[in-house]
N, C-alpha and C. Protein backbone atom coordinates (compact mmCIF):
# COMPACT_ATOMS: atom_id res chain seq x y z
N MET A 1 0.85 -1.20 0.00
CA MET A 1 0.00 0.00 0.00
C MET A 1 0.88 1.25 0.00
N PRO A 2 0.68 2.18 -0.96
CA PRO A 2 1.52 3.38 -1.01
C PRO A 2 1.32 4.25 0.22
N ARG A 3 2.41 4.85 0.69
CA ARG A 3 2.39 5.65 1.91
C ARG A 3 2.35 7.14 1.57
N VAL A 4 1.62 7.91 2.39
CA VAL A 4 1.53 9.35 2.23
C VAL A 4 1.75 10.00 3.59
N LEU A 5 2.56 11.05 3.61
CA LEU A 5 2.76 11.85 4.81
C LEU A 5 2.16 13.22 4.57
N LEU A 6 1.23 13.64 5.43
CA LEU A 6 0.58 14.94 5.30
C LEU A 6 1.26 15.97 6.20
N VAL A 7 1.40 17.18 5.68
CA VAL A 7 2.03 18.28 6.43
C VAL A 7 1.04 19.45 6.48
N HIS A 8 0.67 19.88 7.68
CA HIS A 8 -0.34 20.94 7.83
C HIS A 8 0.26 22.33 7.62
N GLY A 9 -0.63 23.32 7.59
CA GLY A 9 -0.21 24.70 7.38
C GLY A 9 -0.10 25.49 8.67
N ILE A 10 0.00 26.82 8.52
CA ILE A 10 0.15 27.70 9.67
C ILE A 10 -1.13 27.74 10.49
N TRP A 11 -0.99 27.91 11.80
CA TRP A 11 -2.10 28.01 12.76
C TRP A 11 -2.88 26.70 12.90
N ASN A 12 -2.37 25.61 12.35
CA ASN A 12 -3.09 24.34 12.39
C ASN A 12 -2.31 23.29 13.16
N ALA A 13 -2.94 22.14 13.35
CA ALA A 13 -2.30 20.99 14.00
C ALA A 13 -2.59 19.75 13.16
N LYS A 14 -2.02 18.62 13.55
CA LYS A 14 -2.20 17.40 12.78
C LYS A 14 -3.67 17.02 12.64
N SER A 15 -4.46 17.28 13.69
CA SER A 15 -5.87 16.90 13.66
C SER A 15 -6.64 17.63 12.56
N TRP A 16 -6.15 18.80 12.16
CA TRP A 16 -6.79 19.57 11.09
C TRP A 16 -6.86 18.77 9.79
N LEU A 17 -5.92 17.83 9.59
CA LEU A 17 -5.82 17.09 8.35
C LEU A 17 -6.66 15.81 8.35
N THR A 18 -7.43 15.57 9.41
CA THR A 18 -8.21 14.34 9.52
C THR A 18 -9.15 14.10 8.33
N PRO A 19 -9.91 15.12 7.85
CA PRO A 19 -10.78 14.86 6.70
C PRO A 19 -10.01 14.45 5.45
N LEU A 20 -8.88 15.11 5.19
CA LEU A 20 -8.06 14.77 4.03
C LEU A 20 -7.46 13.38 4.19
N ALA A 21 -6.98 13.06 5.39
CA ALA A 21 -6.42 11.74 5.64
C ALA A 21 -7.45 10.65 5.40
N ARG A 22 -8.67 10.89 5.84
CA ARG A 22 -9.74 9.89 5.67
C ARG A 22 -10.01 9.65 4.18
N ARG A 23 -10.06 10.72 3.41
CA ARG A 23 -10.33 10.57 1.98
C ARG A 23 -9.19 9.84 1.26
N LEU A 24 -7.95 10.15 1.63
CA LEU A 24 -6.82 9.49 0.98
C LEU A 24 -6.74 8.01 1.38
N ARG A 25 -7.11 7.68 2.60
CA ARG A 25 -7.17 6.26 2.99
C ARG A 25 -8.21 5.53 2.15
N HIS A 26 -9.33 6.20 1.91
CA HIS A 26 -10.38 5.62 1.06
C HIS A 26 -9.87 5.42 -0.36
N GLU A 27 -8.91 6.24 -0.79
CA GLU A 27 -8.30 6.10 -2.12
C GLU A 27 -7.24 5.01 -2.16
N GLY A 28 -6.96 4.39 -1.02
CA GLY A 28 -6.03 3.26 -1.01
C GLY A 28 -4.64 3.57 -0.49
N PHE A 29 -4.46 4.72 0.18
CA PHE A 29 -3.15 5.09 0.69
C PHE A 29 -3.06 4.83 2.20
N GLU A 30 -1.87 4.50 2.64
CA GLU A 30 -1.57 4.45 4.08
C GLU A 30 -1.11 5.85 4.47
N VAL A 31 -1.82 6.49 5.38
CA VAL A 31 -1.63 7.91 5.63
C VAL A 31 -1.12 8.16 7.05
N GLU A 32 -0.10 9.00 7.15
CA GLU A 32 0.39 9.50 8.43
C GLU A 32 0.45 11.03 8.36
N THR A 33 0.55 11.67 9.51
CA THR A 33 0.62 13.13 9.53
C THR A 33 1.88 13.59 10.26
N PHE A 34 2.36 14.75 9.85
CA PHE A 34 3.55 15.36 10.44
C PHE A 34 3.15 16.68 11.06
N GLY A 35 3.40 16.85 12.35
CA GLY A 35 3.05 18.09 13.03
C GLY A 35 4.27 18.88 13.45
N TYR A 36 4.10 20.19 13.59
CA TYR A 36 5.19 21.08 13.99
C TYR A 36 4.57 22.37 14.53
N PRO A 37 5.27 23.10 15.39
CA PRO A 37 4.77 24.39 15.90
C PRO A 37 5.03 25.50 14.88
N SER A 38 4.02 25.90 14.15
CA SER A 38 4.21 26.81 13.02
C SER A 38 4.48 28.25 13.44
N ILE A 39 4.04 28.65 14.63
CA ILE A 39 4.22 30.03 15.06
C ILE A 39 5.48 30.19 15.91
N LEU A 40 5.58 29.42 16.97
CA LEU A 40 6.72 29.54 17.89
C LEU A 40 7.97 28.84 17.36
N GLY A 41 7.78 27.77 16.63
CA GLY A 41 8.93 27.02 16.10
C GLY A 41 9.37 27.55 14.76
N GLY A 42 8.43 27.61 13.83
CA GLY A 42 8.74 28.12 12.50
C GLY A 42 9.29 27.06 11.56
N PRO A 43 9.60 27.46 10.32
CA PRO A 43 9.98 26.52 9.28
C PRO A 43 11.30 25.79 9.50
N GLU A 44 12.32 26.47 10.02
CA GLU A 44 13.64 25.84 10.06
C GLU A 44 13.65 24.55 10.88
N PRO A 45 13.19 24.54 12.13
CA PRO A 45 13.15 23.28 12.86
C PRO A 45 12.19 22.28 12.24
N ALA A 46 11.11 22.77 11.61
CA ALA A 46 10.16 21.87 10.97
C ALA A 46 10.80 21.17 9.77
N ILE A 47 11.53 21.92 8.96
CA ILE A 47 12.21 21.34 7.80
C ILE A 47 13.22 20.29 8.25
N ALA A 48 14.01 20.63 9.29
CA ALA A 48 15.00 19.68 9.80
C ALA A 48 14.34 18.42 10.35
N ALA A 49 13.23 18.58 11.06
CA ALA A 49 12.53 17.43 11.62
C ALA A 49 11.90 16.57 10.53
N LEU A 50 11.39 17.20 9.49
CA LEU A 50 10.80 16.45 8.38
C LEU A 50 11.88 15.65 7.65
N ILE A 51 13.02 16.26 7.41
CA ILE A 51 14.13 15.55 6.76
C ILE A 51 14.55 14.35 7.62
N ALA A 52 14.67 14.56 8.93
CA ALA A 52 15.07 13.48 9.82
C ALA A 52 14.06 12.35 9.81
N ARG A 53 12.78 12.70 9.73
CA ARG A 53 11.74 11.66 9.73
C ARG A 53 11.76 10.83 8.45
N LEU A 54 12.04 11.48 7.32
CA LEU A 54 12.00 10.79 6.03
C LEU A 54 13.29 10.05 5.70
N GLN A 55 14.41 10.56 6.15
CA GLN A 55 15.72 10.05 5.76
C GLN A 55 15.87 8.58 6.16
N GLY A 56 16.28 7.76 5.20
CA GLY A 56 16.51 6.35 5.47
C GLY A 56 15.26 5.52 5.60
N GLY A 57 14.09 6.12 5.41
CA GLY A 57 12.84 5.40 5.54
C GLY A 57 12.37 4.80 4.22
N PRO A 58 11.20 4.16 4.23
CA PRO A 58 10.65 3.58 3.01
C PRO A 58 10.12 4.65 2.06
N PRO A 59 9.86 4.31 0.80
CA PRO A 59 9.31 5.28 -0.15
C PRO A 59 7.98 5.86 0.35
N VAL A 60 7.78 7.15 0.09
CA VAL A 60 6.60 7.83 0.60
C VAL A 60 6.27 9.00 -0.33
N HIS A 61 5.00 9.40 -0.34
CA HIS A 61 4.56 10.62 -1.00
C HIS A 61 4.37 11.70 0.06
N LEU A 62 4.45 12.96 -0.35
CA LEU A 62 4.17 14.08 0.54
C LEU A 62 2.96 14.85 0.02
N VAL A 63 2.12 15.31 0.96
CA VAL A 63 1.05 16.24 0.64
C VAL A 63 1.09 17.34 1.68
N GLY A 64 1.26 18.59 1.23
CA GLY A 64 1.35 19.71 2.15
C GLY A 64 0.30 20.76 1.87
N HIS A 65 -0.44 21.16 2.91
CA HIS A 65 -1.42 22.23 2.76
C HIS A 65 -0.80 23.57 3.14
N SER A 66 -0.93 24.56 2.26
CA SER A 66 -0.50 25.93 2.54
C SER A 66 0.99 25.97 2.92
N LEU A 67 1.32 26.45 4.12
CA LEU A 67 2.72 26.50 4.56
C LEU A 67 3.35 25.12 4.54
N GLY A 68 2.57 24.08 4.76
CA GLY A 68 3.10 22.72 4.73
C GLY A 68 3.72 22.36 3.40
N GLY A 69 3.18 22.93 2.30
CA GLY A 69 3.76 22.68 0.99
C GLY A 69 5.13 23.32 0.85
N LEU A 70 5.29 24.53 1.39
CA LEU A 70 6.60 25.20 1.34
C LEU A 70 7.62 24.43 2.17
N ILE A 71 7.21 23.97 3.33
CA ILE A 71 8.13 23.22 4.19
C ILE A 71 8.54 21.91 3.52
N GLY A 72 7.58 21.22 2.92
CA GLY A 72 7.91 19.98 2.22
C GLY A 72 8.84 20.20 1.05
N LEU A 73 8.58 21.25 0.27
CA LEU A 73 9.42 21.52 -0.90
C LEU A 73 10.83 21.92 -0.47
N GLU A 74 10.95 22.71 0.60
CA GLU A 74 12.27 23.09 1.08
C GLU A 74 13.03 21.86 1.60
N ALA A 75 12.33 20.92 2.24
CA ALA A 75 12.99 19.70 2.70
C ALA A 75 13.54 18.92 1.51
N LEU A 76 12.77 18.84 0.43
CA LEU A 76 13.24 18.13 -0.77
C LEU A 76 14.41 18.85 -1.43
N ARG A 77 14.38 20.18 -1.40
CA ARG A 77 15.47 20.94 -2.01
C ARG A 77 16.78 20.76 -1.24
N ARG A 78 16.68 20.76 0.10
CA ARG A 78 17.88 20.67 0.92
C ARG A 78 18.41 19.25 1.05
N ALA A 79 17.54 18.27 0.90
CA ALA A 79 17.95 16.86 1.03
C ALA A 79 17.41 16.09 -0.17
N PRO A 80 18.01 16.27 -1.34
CA PRO A 80 17.46 15.68 -2.57
C PRO A 80 17.46 14.16 -2.59
N GLY A 81 18.13 13.52 -1.65
CA GLY A 81 18.13 12.06 -1.62
C GLY A 81 17.01 11.44 -0.82
N LEU A 82 16.09 12.25 -0.32
CA LEU A 82 14.98 11.71 0.48
C LEU A 82 14.14 10.74 -0.37
N PRO A 83 13.59 9.69 0.26
CA PRO A 83 12.84 8.67 -0.49
C PRO A 83 11.41 9.09 -0.81
N VAL A 84 11.26 10.31 -1.35
CA VAL A 84 9.93 10.82 -1.69
C VAL A 84 9.68 10.60 -3.18
N GLN A 85 8.55 10.00 -3.49
CA GLN A 85 8.24 9.66 -4.88
C GLN A 85 7.55 10.82 -5.61
N ARG A 86 6.50 11.34 -5.01
CA ARG A 86 5.80 12.49 -5.59
C ARG A 86 5.30 13.37 -4.45
N MET A 87 5.00 14.64 -4.78
CA MET A 87 4.48 15.56 -3.78
C MET A 87 3.35 16.38 -4.37
N VAL A 88 2.33 16.63 -3.54
CA VAL A 88 1.23 17.51 -3.91
C VAL A 88 1.14 18.64 -2.90
N CYS A 89 1.04 19.87 -3.40
CA CYS A 89 0.80 21.04 -2.56
C CYS A 89 -0.66 21.45 -2.71
N LEU A 90 -1.30 21.80 -1.62
CA LEU A 90 -2.68 22.26 -1.64
C LEU A 90 -2.71 23.75 -1.28
N GLY A 91 -2.90 24.60 -2.28
CA GLY A 91 -3.02 26.03 -2.04
C GLY A 91 -1.79 26.68 -1.45
N SER A 92 -0.62 26.11 -1.66
CA SER A 92 0.61 26.67 -1.07
C SER A 92 1.09 27.87 -1.87
N PRO A 93 1.36 29.00 -1.21
CA PRO A 93 1.87 30.18 -1.93
C PRO A 93 3.37 30.03 -2.21
N LEU A 94 3.70 29.13 -3.11
CA LEU A 94 5.10 28.81 -3.37
C LEU A 94 5.86 30.00 -3.94
N CYS A 95 5.15 30.94 -4.56
CA CYS A 95 5.80 32.14 -5.10
C CYS A 95 5.83 33.29 -4.10
N GLY A 96 5.39 33.02 -2.88
CA GLY A 96 5.32 34.05 -1.85
C GLY A 96 3.91 34.57 -1.71
N SER A 97 3.52 34.89 -0.50
CA SER A 97 2.15 35.30 -0.20
C SER A 97 2.03 36.81 -0.04
N GLY A 98 1.19 37.42 -0.88
CA GLY A 98 0.93 38.84 -0.74
C GLY A 98 0.22 39.17 0.56
N ALA A 99 -0.68 38.28 0.99
CA ALA A 99 -1.38 38.50 2.25
C ALA A 99 -0.38 38.49 3.41
N ALA A 100 0.58 37.57 3.37
CA ALA A 100 1.59 37.51 4.44
C ALA A 100 2.48 38.75 4.41
N ARG A 101 2.80 39.24 3.22
CA ARG A 101 3.62 40.47 3.15
C ARG A 101 2.85 41.65 3.72
N ASP A 102 1.55 41.73 3.43
CA ASP A 102 0.74 42.84 3.97
C ASP A 102 0.63 42.72 5.49
N LEU A 103 0.47 41.50 6.01
CA LEU A 103 0.43 41.32 7.46
C LEU A 103 1.75 41.75 8.09
N GLY A 104 2.85 41.43 7.43
CA GLY A 104 4.16 41.75 7.97
C GLY A 104 4.47 43.22 8.00
N ARG A 105 3.77 44.02 7.20
CA ARG A 105 4.03 45.46 7.15
C ARG A 105 3.41 46.19 8.33
N ARG A 106 2.47 45.55 9.01
CA ARG A 106 1.76 46.20 10.10
C ARG A 106 2.27 45.67 11.44
N ALA A 107 2.72 46.57 12.30
CA ALA A 107 3.29 46.15 13.59
C ALA A 107 2.30 45.34 14.42
N TRP A 108 1.02 45.62 14.30
CA TRP A 108 0.04 44.95 15.14
C TRP A 108 -0.43 43.62 14.56
N THR A 109 -0.12 43.34 13.27
CA THR A 109 -0.51 42.06 12.68
C THR A 109 0.68 41.14 12.41
N ALA A 110 1.89 41.67 12.30
CA ALA A 110 3.06 40.85 11.98
C ALA A 110 3.23 39.66 12.94
N PRO A 111 2.99 39.82 14.26
CA PRO A 111 3.21 38.70 15.18
C PRO A 111 2.35 37.47 14.91
N VAL A 112 1.23 37.62 14.19
CA VAL A 112 0.37 36.45 13.98
C VAL A 112 1.04 35.41 13.07
N LEU A 113 2.04 35.84 12.31
CA LEU A 113 2.77 34.92 11.44
C LEU A 113 3.89 34.20 12.18
N GLY A 114 4.29 34.74 13.33
CA GLY A 114 5.36 34.13 14.10
C GLY A 114 6.63 33.99 13.28
N ARG A 115 7.34 32.89 13.50
CA ARG A 115 8.59 32.65 12.79
C ARG A 115 8.39 32.11 11.38
N SER A 116 7.13 31.91 10.99
CA SER A 116 6.85 31.41 9.63
C SER A 116 6.69 32.54 8.62
N GLY A 117 6.71 33.79 9.09
CA GLY A 117 6.47 34.92 8.20
C GLY A 117 7.44 35.01 7.04
N GLY A 118 8.72 34.82 7.33
CA GLY A 118 9.73 34.97 6.29
C GLY A 118 9.54 34.05 5.11
N LEU A 119 9.30 32.77 5.37
CA LEU A 119 9.13 31.80 4.28
C LEU A 119 7.84 32.06 3.52
N LEU A 120 6.76 32.39 4.22
CA LEU A 120 5.50 32.67 3.55
C LEU A 120 5.60 33.90 2.66
N GLN A 121 6.33 34.90 3.10
CA GLN A 121 6.46 36.13 2.33
C GLN A 121 7.36 35.95 1.11
N ALA A 122 8.43 35.20 1.27
CA ALA A 122 9.42 35.05 0.19
C ALA A 122 9.08 33.94 -0.78
N GLY A 123 8.47 32.85 -0.30
CA GLY A 123 8.23 31.70 -1.15
C GLY A 123 9.49 30.88 -1.39
N CYS A 124 9.44 30.02 -2.39
CA CYS A 124 10.53 29.09 -2.70
C CYS A 124 11.14 29.42 -4.05
N PRO A 125 12.40 29.05 -4.27
CA PRO A 125 13.00 29.20 -5.60
C PRO A 125 12.29 28.28 -6.59
N PRO A 126 12.39 28.57 -7.88
CA PRO A 126 11.82 27.66 -8.88
C PRO A 126 12.29 26.22 -8.62
N TRP A 127 11.38 25.27 -8.83
CA TRP A 127 11.68 23.89 -8.50
C TRP A 127 12.52 23.25 -9.59
N GLU A 128 13.68 22.73 -9.21
CA GLU A 128 14.59 22.07 -10.15
C GLU A 128 14.94 20.66 -9.70
N GLY A 129 14.24 20.15 -8.70
CA GLY A 129 14.52 18.81 -8.18
C GLY A 129 13.95 17.72 -9.06
N THR A 130 14.24 16.48 -8.70
CA THR A 130 13.79 15.33 -9.48
C THR A 130 12.42 14.81 -9.06
N VAL A 131 11.96 15.18 -7.88
CA VAL A 131 10.65 14.71 -7.41
C VAL A 131 9.55 15.50 -8.13
N PRO A 132 8.61 14.82 -8.80
CA PRO A 132 7.51 15.53 -9.44
C PRO A 132 6.60 16.18 -8.39
N VAL A 133 6.31 17.45 -8.57
CA VAL A 133 5.49 18.21 -7.62
C VAL A 133 4.27 18.76 -8.36
N GLY A 134 3.09 18.49 -7.82
CA GLY A 134 1.86 19.00 -8.38
C GLY A 134 1.18 19.96 -7.43
N MET A 135 0.42 20.89 -7.97
CA MET A 135 -0.29 21.89 -7.17
C MET A 135 -1.79 21.78 -7.40
N VAL A 136 -2.55 21.66 -6.32
CA VAL A 136 -4.00 21.78 -6.37
C VAL A 136 -4.36 23.11 -5.73
N ALA A 137 -4.84 24.04 -6.54
CA ALA A 137 -5.19 25.38 -6.05
C ALA A 137 -6.71 25.54 -6.03
N GLY A 138 -7.19 26.43 -5.18
CA GLY A 138 -8.62 26.71 -5.11
C GLY A 138 -8.96 28.05 -5.72
N ASN A 139 -10.21 28.21 -6.16
CA ASN A 139 -10.61 29.48 -6.76
C ASN A 139 -11.91 30.04 -6.16
N VAL A 140 -12.24 29.59 -4.93
CA VAL A 140 -13.40 30.16 -4.23
C VAL A 140 -12.88 31.21 -3.27
N ALA A 141 -13.10 32.48 -3.59
CA ALA A 141 -12.49 33.59 -2.85
C ALA A 141 -13.23 33.86 -1.54
N ARG A 142 -13.03 32.96 -0.60
CA ARG A 142 -13.66 33.09 0.70
C ARG A 142 -12.61 32.82 1.78
N GLY A 143 -12.26 33.84 2.54
CA GLY A 143 -11.24 33.66 3.57
C GLY A 143 -10.76 34.99 4.10
N ILE A 144 -9.93 34.91 5.15
CA ILE A 144 -9.48 36.14 5.81
C ILE A 144 -8.53 36.95 4.95
N GLY A 145 -7.93 36.32 3.94
CA GLY A 145 -7.01 37.05 3.09
C GLY A 145 -7.65 38.24 2.40
N ARG A 146 -8.95 38.14 2.11
CA ARG A 146 -9.65 39.25 1.44
C ARG A 146 -9.74 40.48 2.33
N LEU A 147 -9.63 40.28 3.64
CA LEU A 147 -9.66 41.41 4.58
C LEU A 147 -8.29 42.05 4.74
N ILE A 148 -7.26 41.37 4.26
CA ILE A 148 -5.88 41.81 4.48
C ILE A 148 -5.28 42.43 3.23
N THR A 149 -5.59 41.84 2.08
CA THR A 149 -4.94 42.27 0.84
C THR A 149 -5.94 42.27 -0.30
N ARG A 150 -5.58 42.89 -1.40
CA ARG A 150 -6.41 42.88 -2.60
C ARG A 150 -5.79 41.96 -3.64
N PHE A 151 -6.60 41.08 -4.18
CA PHE A 151 -6.11 40.15 -5.20
C PHE A 151 -6.43 40.69 -6.58
N GLY A 152 -5.42 40.71 -7.45
CA GLY A 152 -5.63 41.21 -8.80
C GLY A 152 -6.35 40.24 -9.70
N GLY A 153 -6.33 38.95 -9.36
CA GLY A 153 -6.99 37.93 -10.17
C GLY A 153 -7.69 36.95 -9.26
N GLU A 154 -7.83 35.72 -9.75
CA GLU A 154 -8.51 34.68 -8.97
C GLU A 154 -7.70 34.31 -7.73
N SER A 155 -8.43 33.89 -6.70
CA SER A 155 -7.77 33.46 -5.47
C SER A 155 -8.66 32.47 -4.73
N ASP A 156 -8.11 31.90 -3.67
CA ASP A 156 -8.92 31.02 -2.81
C ASP A 156 -9.36 31.76 -1.55
N GLY A 157 -9.26 33.09 -1.59
CA GLY A 157 -9.61 33.91 -0.45
C GLY A 157 -8.44 34.24 0.45
N THR A 158 -7.35 33.49 0.32
CA THR A 158 -6.15 33.72 1.11
C THR A 158 -4.91 33.77 0.23
N VAL A 159 -4.87 32.92 -0.79
CA VAL A 159 -3.72 32.82 -1.70
C VAL A 159 -4.19 33.05 -3.13
N ALA A 160 -3.49 33.92 -3.85
CA ALA A 160 -3.80 34.16 -5.27
C ALA A 160 -3.36 32.97 -6.10
N LEU A 161 -4.11 32.68 -7.15
CA LEU A 161 -3.74 31.57 -8.03
C LEU A 161 -2.33 31.75 -8.57
N GLU A 162 -1.98 32.98 -8.93
CA GLU A 162 -0.65 33.22 -9.48
C GLU A 162 0.45 32.90 -8.47
N GLU A 163 0.14 33.00 -7.18
CA GLU A 163 1.13 32.69 -6.14
C GLU A 163 1.38 31.19 -6.02
N THR A 164 0.55 30.38 -6.66
CA THR A 164 0.73 28.92 -6.62
C THR A 164 1.45 28.38 -7.85
N ARG A 165 1.71 29.22 -8.83
CA ARG A 165 2.27 28.75 -10.10
C ARG A 165 3.79 28.87 -10.11
N LEU A 166 4.45 28.09 -9.31
CA LEU A 166 5.91 28.11 -9.24
C LEU A 166 6.50 27.45 -10.48
N PRO A 167 7.46 28.08 -11.15
CA PRO A 167 8.13 27.42 -12.27
C PRO A 167 8.77 26.09 -11.84
N GLY A 168 8.61 25.08 -12.67
CA GLY A 168 9.19 23.78 -12.38
C GLY A 168 8.20 22.75 -11.87
N LEU A 169 6.97 23.17 -11.57
CA LEU A 169 5.97 22.20 -11.13
C LEU A 169 5.64 21.25 -12.28
N ALA A 170 5.37 19.99 -11.93
CA ALA A 170 5.03 18.99 -12.94
C ALA A 170 3.61 19.19 -13.46
N ALA A 171 2.71 19.69 -12.60
CA ALA A 171 1.31 19.86 -13.01
C ALA A 171 0.64 20.83 -12.06
N HIS A 172 -0.43 21.45 -12.55
CA HIS A 172 -1.19 22.43 -11.77
C HIS A 172 -2.66 22.26 -12.12
N CYS A 173 -3.53 22.24 -11.12
CA CYS A 173 -4.97 22.19 -11.40
C CYS A 173 -5.71 23.08 -10.42
N VAL A 174 -6.92 23.44 -10.77
CA VAL A 174 -7.75 24.33 -9.95
C VAL A 174 -9.05 23.61 -9.63
N VAL A 175 -9.45 23.66 -8.35
CA VAL A 175 -10.70 23.04 -7.92
C VAL A 175 -11.56 24.10 -7.23
N PRO A 176 -12.87 23.90 -7.17
CA PRO A 176 -13.76 24.88 -6.53
C PRO A 176 -13.70 24.75 -5.01
N ALA A 177 -12.75 25.41 -4.40
CA ALA A 177 -12.58 25.36 -2.95
C ALA A 177 -11.90 26.62 -2.47
N SER A 178 -12.17 27.00 -1.23
CA SER A 178 -11.45 28.09 -0.59
C SER A 178 -10.14 27.55 -0.03
N HIS A 179 -9.34 28.43 0.53
CA HIS A 179 -8.04 28.00 1.06
C HIS A 179 -8.22 26.96 2.17
N THR A 180 -9.06 27.28 3.13
CA THR A 180 -9.35 26.31 4.19
C THR A 180 -10.08 25.10 3.64
N GLY A 181 -10.98 25.33 2.70
CA GLY A 181 -11.79 24.25 2.15
C GLY A 181 -11.01 23.20 1.38
N LEU A 182 -9.79 23.50 0.96
CA LEU A 182 -8.99 22.51 0.24
C LEU A 182 -8.77 21.26 1.07
N VAL A 183 -8.67 21.39 2.39
CA VAL A 183 -8.46 20.25 3.27
C VAL A 183 -9.72 19.38 3.35
N PHE A 184 -10.88 19.99 3.14
CA PHE A 184 -12.16 19.29 3.28
C PHE A 184 -12.76 18.87 1.95
N SER A 185 -12.15 19.30 0.85
CA SER A 185 -12.72 19.10 -0.48
C SER A 185 -12.50 17.69 -1.01
N ALA A 186 -13.60 17.02 -1.38
CA ALA A 186 -13.49 15.70 -2.00
C ALA A 186 -12.79 15.80 -3.35
N HIS A 187 -13.07 16.88 -4.08
CA HIS A 187 -12.46 17.09 -5.39
C HIS A 187 -10.94 17.25 -5.26
N ALA A 188 -10.50 18.04 -4.29
CA ALA A 188 -9.07 18.23 -4.08
C ALA A 188 -8.39 16.93 -3.69
N ALA A 189 -9.02 16.14 -2.84
CA ALA A 189 -8.45 14.86 -2.41
C ALA A 189 -8.34 13.89 -3.59
N ARG A 190 -9.37 13.87 -4.45
CA ARG A 190 -9.32 12.98 -5.62
C ARG A 190 -8.19 13.39 -6.57
N GLN A 191 -8.04 14.70 -6.78
CA GLN A 191 -6.96 15.16 -7.66
C GLN A 191 -5.60 14.85 -7.06
N ALA A 192 -5.46 15.04 -5.76
CA ALA A 192 -4.18 14.72 -5.11
C ALA A 192 -3.86 13.24 -5.26
N ALA A 193 -4.85 12.38 -5.02
CA ALA A 193 -4.64 10.94 -5.13
C ALA A 193 -4.27 10.55 -6.56
N HIS A 194 -4.92 11.18 -7.54
CA HIS A 194 -4.64 10.88 -8.94
C HIS A 194 -3.21 11.24 -9.29
N PHE A 195 -2.76 12.41 -8.82
CA PHE A 195 -1.38 12.82 -9.11
C PHE A 195 -0.38 11.88 -8.43
N LEU A 196 -0.65 11.49 -7.20
CA LEU A 196 0.28 10.60 -6.49
C LEU A 196 0.38 9.25 -7.19
N ARG A 197 -0.71 8.79 -7.80
CA ARG A 197 -0.68 7.51 -8.50
C ARG A 197 -0.09 7.63 -9.91
N GLU A 198 -0.48 8.71 -10.63
CA GLU A 198 -0.19 8.78 -12.06
C GLU A 198 0.85 9.84 -12.45
N GLY A 199 1.15 10.78 -11.55
CA GLY A 199 2.07 11.85 -11.90
C GLY A 199 1.42 12.95 -12.71
N ARG A 200 0.10 12.96 -12.75
CA ARG A 200 -0.65 13.99 -13.46
C ARG A 200 -2.02 14.11 -12.81
N PHE A 201 -2.71 15.20 -13.10
CA PHE A 201 -4.06 15.39 -12.58
C PHE A 201 -5.10 14.86 -13.57
N ASP A 202 -6.27 14.58 -13.06
CA ASP A 202 -7.37 14.07 -13.87
C ASP A 202 -8.01 15.23 -14.61
N SER A 203 -7.96 15.20 -15.91
CA SER A 203 -8.52 16.28 -16.71
C SER A 203 -9.93 15.98 -17.18
N GLY A 204 -10.49 14.86 -16.74
CA GLY A 204 -11.84 14.47 -17.15
C GLY A 204 -12.91 15.32 -16.50
N PRO A 205 -14.18 15.06 -16.84
CA PRO A 205 -15.28 15.85 -16.28
C PRO A 205 -15.45 15.60 -14.80
């Protein structure tokens, strides 16, 4: 049975991923979750802990929601020998988050990002690794991001679609879900499972 490790986003815990884990188990995957303190700990210890957990282990897929996608991608970039077969990001602002940059500009809102602010604001370099990475983005503009920043195009309410289109991704698809809703979306889970099995998203009806 193929293995999947889920990585949550900012302000969340492992339990937040329970709906997604349940759907992926129904798709035939053995699912585990990876937790980390996103505010007080931040990305650096999380990336190191993720590398340590994966190193020397059996083959596995990664699925990261929001900040979890950036942490997973950075782990793959820094340790290219990890036994990861494929990775799916759900609504991750891999090109950097405009909402996070706007939060960081205000003294009274910057602390809500904690130590994760830097990575969320800057994003990741274009992907040049060997692990195929797919992105499932949402286009239902419902979320707190609309109160913080203005989106020039489509968004999931927190992350702009353009912020998910990192050069080097193997595939990109859009589903009708908000940023938070990506974790609960049956459509997003089906697309993630399809990419993990086939290396591409389902383009059918």
